[in-house]
Protein backbone atom coordinates (compact mmCIF):
# COMPACT_ATOMS: atom_id res chain seq x y z
CA UNK A 1 -236.49 -158.61 3.95
CA UNK A 2 -235.53 -159.28 0.36
CA UNK A 3 -233.86 -162.20 -0.74
CA UNK A 4 -232.42 -163.40 -4.10
CA UNK A 5 -231.40 -166.80 -4.41
CA UNK A 6 -228.78 -167.92 -6.64
CA UNK A 7 -229.97 -171.90 -6.14
CA UNK A 8 -232.32 -174.34 -6.72
CA UNK A 9 -231.60 -175.99 -3.40
CA UNK A 10 -231.52 -172.68 -1.65
CA UNK A 11 -235.09 -171.62 -3.17
CA UNK A 12 -236.68 -174.68 -1.78
CA UNK A 13 -234.96 -174.08 1.79
CA UNK A 14 -236.43 -170.45 2.00
CA UNK A 15 -239.82 -171.97 0.54
CA UNK A 16 -239.60 -174.49 3.38
CA UNK A 17 -238.92 -171.97 5.97
CA UNK A 18 -241.98 -170.09 5.05
CA UNK A 19 -239.92 -167.39 3.19
CA UNK A 20 -241.34 -167.38 -0.29
CA UNK A 21 -242.88 -164.14 0.46
CA UNK A 22 -239.48 -162.84 0.72
CA UNK A 23 -237.94 -164.04 -2.73
CA UNK A 24 -237.62 -161.56 -5.06
CA UNK A 25 -235.72 -163.41 -7.57
CA UNK A 26 -234.64 -166.60 -8.44
CA UNK A 27 -232.65 -168.72 -11.16
CA UNK A 28 -233.68 -169.78 -14.59
CA UNK A 29 -233.45 -173.29 -12.91
CA UNK A 30 -235.66 -173.22 -10.04
CA UNK A 31 -238.65 -174.75 -10.58
CA UNK A 32 -239.80 -176.00 -7.09
CA UNK A 33 -241.98 -175.51 -5.68
CA UNK A 34 -244.59 -174.39 -8.04
CA UNK A 35 -244.72 -170.87 -6.04
CA UNK A 36 -240.85 -169.98 -7.68
CA UNK A 37 -241.98 -170.42 -11.28
CA UNK A 38 -243.35 -166.95 -11.15
CA UNK A 39 -240.57 -164.94 -9.85
CA UNK A 40 -238.53 -162.93 -11.79
CA UNK A 41 -235.69 -164.92 -13.06
CA UNK A 42 -232.23 -163.50 -12.37
CA UNK A 43 -229.69 -165.81 -14.38
CA UNK A 44 -229.39 -167.74 -17.50
CA UNK A 45 -227.21 -170.27 -19.11
CA UNK A 46 -224.76 -170.29 -21.97
CA UNK A 47 -225.49 -173.86 -22.31
CA UNK A 48 -228.74 -175.04 -24.33
CA UNK A 49 -229.44 -178.34 -21.61
CA UNK A 50 -232.61 -179.32 -23.84
CA UNK A 51 -231.54 -180.05 -27.02
CA UNK A 52 -227.82 -180.98 -26.16
CA UNK A 53 -226.34 -184.49 -25.53
CA UNK A 54 -224.92 -185.33 -22.69
CA UNK A 55 -221.26 -185.59 -24.46
CA UNK A 56 -222.09 -182.03 -25.89
CA UNK A 57 -222.40 -180.75 -22.42
CA UNK A 58 -219.56 -182.13 -20.80
CA UNK A 59 -217.63 -180.53 -23.61
CA UNK A 60 -219.00 -177.09 -23.57
CA UNK A 61 -218.63 -177.66 -19.49
CA UNK A 62 -214.93 -178.42 -19.62
CA UNK A 63 -214.27 -175.82 -22.23
CA UNK A 64 -215.35 -173.20 -20.25
CA UNK A 65 -214.01 -174.15 -17.17
CA UNK A 66 -210.56 -174.60 -18.63
CA UNK A 67 -210.93 -171.21 -20.38
CA UNK A 68 -212.10 -169.46 -17.02
CA UNK A 69 -215.12 -168.36 -18.16
CA UNK A 70 -218.70 -168.99 -16.58
CA UNK A 71 -221.40 -170.87 -18.20
CA UNK A 72 -223.99 -168.65 -16.18
CA UNK A 73 -225.16 -165.24 -16.21
CA UNK A 74 -226.20 -163.03 -13.87
CA UNK A 75 -228.47 -160.23 -14.76
CA UNK A 76 -226.85 -157.48 -12.83
CA UNK A 77 -229.55 -154.85 -13.92
CA UNK A 78 -232.36 -156.64 -12.23
CA UNK A 79 -230.08 -157.42 -9.45
CA UNK A 80 -229.19 -153.57 -8.70
CA UNK A 81 -233.03 -152.80 -9.39
CA UNK A 82 -234.55 -155.65 -7.07
CA UNK A 83 -231.54 -154.54 -4.39
CA UNK A 84 -231.98 -157.46 -2.11
CA UNK A 85 -231.07 -157.85 1.76
CA UNK A 86 -229.64 -161.37 1.23
CA UNK A 87 -228.27 -163.10 -1.77
CA UNK A 88 -227.87 -166.68 -1.39
CA UNK A 89 -225.38 -168.47 -2.92
CA UNK A 90 -222.57 -171.15 -3.49
CA UNK A 91 -218.80 -171.90 -3.95
CA UNK A 92 -218.61 -175.36 -3.77
CA UNK A 93 -219.22 -176.04 -7.62
CA UNK A 94 -218.14 -174.23 -10.88
CA UNK A 95 -220.78 -175.67 -13.10
CA UNK A 96 -223.49 -175.76 -10.33
CA UNK A 97 -224.22 -171.85 -10.02
CA UNK A 98 -222.96 -168.18 -10.84
CA UNK A 99 -219.68 -168.11 -9.63
CA UNK A 100 -218.72 -166.32 -6.57
CA UNK A 101 -216.82 -164.06 -7.85
CA UNK A 102 -219.08 -162.48 -10.31
CA UNK A 103 -221.81 -162.35 -7.27
CA UNK A 104 -219.13 -159.94 -5.44
CA UNK A 105 -218.24 -158.31 -8.39
CA UNK A 106 -222.30 -157.46 -9.50
CA UNK A 107 -223.15 -156.59 -5.65
CA UNK A 108 -220.81 -153.36 -5.79
CA UNK A 109 -223.45 -152.07 -8.27
CA UNK A 110 -226.18 -152.69 -5.66
CA UNK A 111 -227.11 -149.55 -3.60
CA UNK A 112 -227.15 -151.39 -0.36
CA UNK A 113 -224.91 -153.60 1.61
CA UNK A 114 -226.70 -156.97 1.00
CA UNK A 115 -225.09 -160.13 3.00
CA UNK A 116 -223.70 -162.69 0.54
CA UNK A 117 -224.54 -166.23 1.99
CA UNK A 118 -222.68 -168.91 0.74
CA UNK A 119 -224.03 -172.47 1.15
CA UNK A 120 -222.22 -175.54 0.03
CA UNK A 121 -222.66 -178.52 1.91
CA UNK A 122 -221.20 -181.97 1.23
CA UNK A 123 -222.94 -184.11 3.57
CA UNK A 124 -226.34 -184.85 4.76
CA UNK A 125 -225.15 -182.79 8.02
CA UNK A 126 -223.64 -180.02 6.07
CA UNK A 127 -227.24 -179.84 4.24
CA UNK A 128 -228.97 -180.03 8.01
CA UNK A 129 -226.78 -177.38 9.15
CA UNK A 130 -227.18 -174.83 5.79
CA UNK A 131 -231.08 -174.88 6.91
CA UNK A 132 -230.18 -173.91 10.32
CA UNK A 133 -228.02 -170.95 9.02
CA UNK A 134 -230.44 -169.59 6.95
CA UNK A 135 -233.32 -170.00 9.24
CA UNK A 136 -230.48 -168.09 11.83
CA UNK A 137 -229.98 -165.38 9.35
CA UNK A 138 -233.74 -164.96 8.39
CA UNK A 139 -235.00 -164.90 11.87
CA UNK A 140 -237.07 -168.18 11.70
CA UNK A 141 -234.43 -169.95 13.59
CA UNK A 142 -237.11 -171.98 15.48
CA UNK A 143 -238.74 -173.12 12.29
CA UNK A 144 -235.45 -174.15 10.81
CA UNK A 145 -234.91 -176.61 13.70
CA UNK A 146 -238.15 -178.05 13.57
CA UNK A 147 -237.64 -179.04 9.88
CA UNK A 148 -233.95 -180.04 10.73
CA UNK A 149 -235.50 -182.38 13.12
CA UNK A 150 -237.94 -183.81 10.85
CA UNK A 151 -235.03 -184.39 8.17
CA UNK A 152 -232.93 -185.98 11.03
CA UNK A 153 -235.60 -188.25 11.70
CA UNK A 154 -236.56 -189.59 8.13
CA UNK A 155 -232.73 -190.25 7.94
CA UNK A 156 -232.42 -192.39 11.33
CA UNK A 157 -235.49 -194.32 10.26
CA UNK A 158 -234.16 -195.27 6.79
CA UNK A 159 -230.70 -196.42 8.59
CA UNK A 160 -232.42 -197.98 11.53
CA UNK A 161 -234.85 -200.33 8.82
CA UNK A 162 -231.29 -200.88 6.69
CA UNK A 163 -229.76 -202.37 9.19
CA UNK A 164 -231.84 -205.28 9.42
CA UNK A 165 -230.39 -206.48 6.39
CA UNK A 166 -226.78 -208.24 6.25
CA UNK A 167 -226.52 -207.76 2.29
CA UNK A 168 -224.83 -204.45 1.41
CA UNK A 169 -224.86 -204.80 -2.26
CA UNK A 170 -222.13 -203.23 -3.91
CA UNK A 171 -224.06 -199.68 -5.62
CA UNK A 172 -222.91 -197.27 -8.47
CA UNK A 173 -224.75 -193.83 -8.90
CA UNK A 174 -223.29 -192.71 -12.54
CA UNK A 175 -223.93 -188.61 -11.78
CA UNK A 176 -223.04 -188.35 -15.82
CA UNK A 177 -223.60 -190.68 -18.21
CA UNK A 178 -221.25 -189.83 -21.29
CA UNK A 179 -218.56 -190.12 -19.95
CA UNK A 180 -219.31 -191.83 -16.86
CA UNK A 181 -219.35 -189.86 -13.25
CA UNK A 182 -219.61 -191.64 -10.03
CA UNK A 183 -221.96 -189.35 -7.68
CA UNK A 184 -220.08 -187.61 -4.76
CA UNK A 185 -220.32 -185.62 -1.95
CA UNK A 186 -223.62 -186.47 -0.41
CA UNK A 187 -224.11 -189.27 -2.35
CA UNK A 188 -222.13 -192.24 -1.18
CA UNK A 189 -223.68 -191.53 2.44
CA UNK A 190 -226.96 -191.77 1.17
CA UNK A 191 -225.81 -195.06 -0.27
CA UNK A 192 -224.66 -196.15 2.87
CA UNK A 193 -227.52 -195.46 4.82
CA UNK A 194 -229.94 -197.05 2.76
CA UNK A 195 -227.85 -200.14 3.22
CA UNK A 196 -225.73 -200.37 0.28
CA UNK A 197 -221.88 -200.27 -0.37
CA UNK A 198 -220.21 -197.62 -2.90
CA UNK A 199 -216.92 -199.01 -3.43
CA UNK A 200 -215.78 -196.26 -5.98
CA UNK A 201 -215.90 -192.95 -4.20
CA UNK A 202 -215.71 -191.28 -0.80
CA UNK A 203 -218.18 -189.73 1.32
CA UNK A 204 -217.81 -186.05 1.14
CA UNK A 205 -215.48 -185.76 -1.58
CA UNK A 206 -216.71 -184.48 -5.56
CA UNK A 207 -218.17 -186.57 -8.28
CA UNK A 208 -215.68 -187.94 -10.56
CA UNK A 209 -215.01 -189.16 -14.38
CA UNK A 210 -214.48 -192.76 -14.47
CA UNK A 211 -213.66 -195.09 -17.24
CA UNK A 212 -216.06 -198.00 -18.21
CA UNK A 213 -213.25 -200.68 -17.07
CA UNK A 214 -213.23 -199.26 -13.85
CA UNK A 215 -217.27 -199.87 -13.89
CA UNK A 216 -216.26 -203.24 -15.22
CA UNK A 217 -214.06 -204.33 -12.46
CA UNK A 218 -216.32 -202.57 -9.98
CA UNK A 219 -219.08 -204.49 -11.13
CA UNK A 220 -222.35 -203.25 -9.42
CA UNK A 221 -224.92 -205.43 -8.01
CA UNK A 222 -227.43 -202.56 -8.45
CA UNK A 223 -226.81 -199.32 -10.93
CA UNK A 224 -228.26 -196.18 -10.17
CA UNK A 225 -228.48 -193.59 -13.20
CA UNK A 226 -229.03 -189.92 -11.63
CA UNK A 227 -227.42 -187.47 -14.13
CA UNK A 228 -227.00 -184.08 -12.35
CA UNK A 229 -229.93 -181.54 -13.23
CA UNK A 230 -232.30 -184.07 -15.19
CA UNK A 231 -235.34 -185.29 -14.67
CA UNK A 232 -236.42 -189.11 -15.26
CA UNK A 233 -237.76 -189.02 -18.53
CA UNK A 234 -234.64 -187.41 -19.57
CA UNK A 235 -232.44 -189.69 -17.88
CA UNK A 236 -233.89 -192.39 -20.02
CA UNK A 237 -233.72 -190.85 -22.95
CA UNK A 238 -229.93 -190.04 -22.27
CA UNK A 239 -229.34 -193.76 -21.73
CA UNK A 240 -231.13 -194.47 -25.25
CA UNK A 241 -228.67 -191.90 -26.78
CA UNK A 242 -225.31 -192.06 -25.10
CA UNK A 243 -222.70 -194.51 -25.79
CA UNK A 244 -222.68 -197.72 -23.66
CA UNK A 245 -219.60 -199.93 -24.13
CA UNK A 246 -220.01 -203.81 -24.79
CA UNK A 247 -219.15 -204.51 -20.95
CA UNK A 248 -222.26 -203.01 -19.71
CA UNK A 249 -224.62 -206.26 -20.57
CA UNK A 250 -221.89 -207.78 -18.63
CA UNK A 251 -222.73 -206.25 -15.34
CA UNK A 252 -224.42 -208.23 -12.70
CA UNK A 253 -226.73 -205.24 -12.23
CA UNK A 254 -227.65 -205.53 -15.82
CA UNK A 255 -227.84 -209.41 -15.76
CA UNK A 256 -230.18 -209.23 -12.88
CA UNK A 257 -232.13 -206.19 -14.17
CA UNK A 258 -231.50 -204.10 -11.04
CA UNK A 259 -230.59 -200.82 -13.34
CA UNK A 260 -233.02 -197.88 -12.46
CA UNK A 261 -233.07 -194.32 -13.47
CA UNK A 262 -234.13 -191.80 -11.01
CA UNK A 263 -235.10 -187.95 -11.32
CA UNK A 264 -231.67 -186.83 -10.43
CA UNK A 265 -232.90 -183.02 -10.46
CA UNK A 266 -235.37 -183.68 -7.79
CA UNK A 267 -233.65 -185.74 -5.31
CA UNK A 268 -229.90 -186.03 -5.74
CA UNK A 269 -228.45 -182.73 -7.40
CA UNK A 270 -229.93 -180.53 -5.25
CA UNK A 271 -228.53 -180.40 -1.81
CA UNK A 272 -231.57 -179.67 -0.05
CA UNK A 273 -234.62 -181.09 1.90
CA UNK A 274 -235.67 -183.49 -1.16
CA UNK A 275 -232.62 -184.96 -0.54
CA UNK A 276 -233.99 -186.60 2.18
CA UNK A 277 -236.67 -187.91 -0.45
CA UNK A 278 -233.66 -189.29 -2.28
CA UNK A 279 -232.41 -191.13 0.57
CA UNK A 280 -235.70 -193.11 0.70
CA UNK A 281 -235.81 -193.72 -2.75
CA UNK A 282 -232.38 -194.95 -2.84
CA UNK A 283 -233.64 -197.30 0.06
CA UNK A 284 -236.95 -198.48 -2.10
CA UNK A 285 -234.32 -199.54 -5.12
CA UNK A 286 -231.48 -200.84 -3.12
CA UNK A 287 -234.08 -202.82 -0.33
CA UNK A 288 -237.13 -203.45 -1.93
CA UNK A 289 -238.02 -206.19 0.95
CA UNK A 290 -237.46 -203.54 3.53
CA UNK A 291 -239.14 -200.60 1.88
CA UNK A 292 -242.01 -200.85 0.01
CA UNK A 293 -242.45 -198.42 -2.60
CA UNK A 294 -244.17 -194.90 -1.14
CA UNK A 295 -242.21 -192.45 -4.05
CA UNK A 296 -244.04 -191.24 -6.77
CA UNK A 297 -244.38 -193.06 -10.19
CA UNK A 298 -242.07 -190.16 -11.68
CA UNK A 299 -239.23 -190.40 -9.12
CA UNK A 300 -237.67 -193.88 -10.43
CA UNK A 301 -238.02 -196.61 -12.62
CA UNK A 302 -236.19 -199.65 -13.15
CA UNK A 303 -234.70 -199.96 -16.98
CA UNK A 304 -232.96 -203.14 -18.34
CA UNK A 305 -229.83 -204.09 -20.43
CA UNK A 306 -230.80 -202.94 -23.47
CA UNK A 307 -232.25 -199.80 -22.45
CA UNK A 308 -235.68 -198.92 -20.94
């Protein structure tokens, strides 16, 4: 069995299910676990994320989407050479991976008849279903069921402990800083289970751009910065560079020093097993009185009104 993963989250699932030896190719963003780093890379990005600002990345992505072009390229020659049996991809987000249409076109060049598996969860339950589905396709259903049960128990534990608090602070999770986007899909559900209240978006719906006026009126009591695809230090650097309006200093979260930067790439952007680590991170942030910190130092950090 030869598996080609076009999603970092799918790559993590594959390794969690003990199928790493079957991976023949991954994306340029697949950096976890460490064993994935040395595998053949079959995609590249048209955007230099490392040297571009949040605003520049946003503008480039918007222009690409409006023009119908992709920000990711697939190495057709390598795909043909590797001749995978299973290709893991998604149709959920145009800016998260190679487009489904591009994958379908590329598959026509492959000698065999690979199975294209689209994984597109929008909730924690959907992530667990994706793991189960991959387990069935790869003939490791029992192993997948064990992993799903472990993750479900962790989620249930967080929710049970969080219910002990009557306080449900207003939480704002920013998936992008310039312009501001509120976190969507599974993030509002994570906030609820961790004992917070998300009043700017609904569970299962995509992230969306908001104005700083909307943020000011909402006046979050806890502000979590989780830019999509950014690690902790990059998030902190973006906070230093991004446009922050005067209203920022009047937010309740800023006034009470409850502004936190997290490793969005590891724990919030990718709908794989580490999302459940992210749930525990949120619980530590929202209710530290109930959840003593167990997450690593590079998972999250408190930042302050004027920056870190």
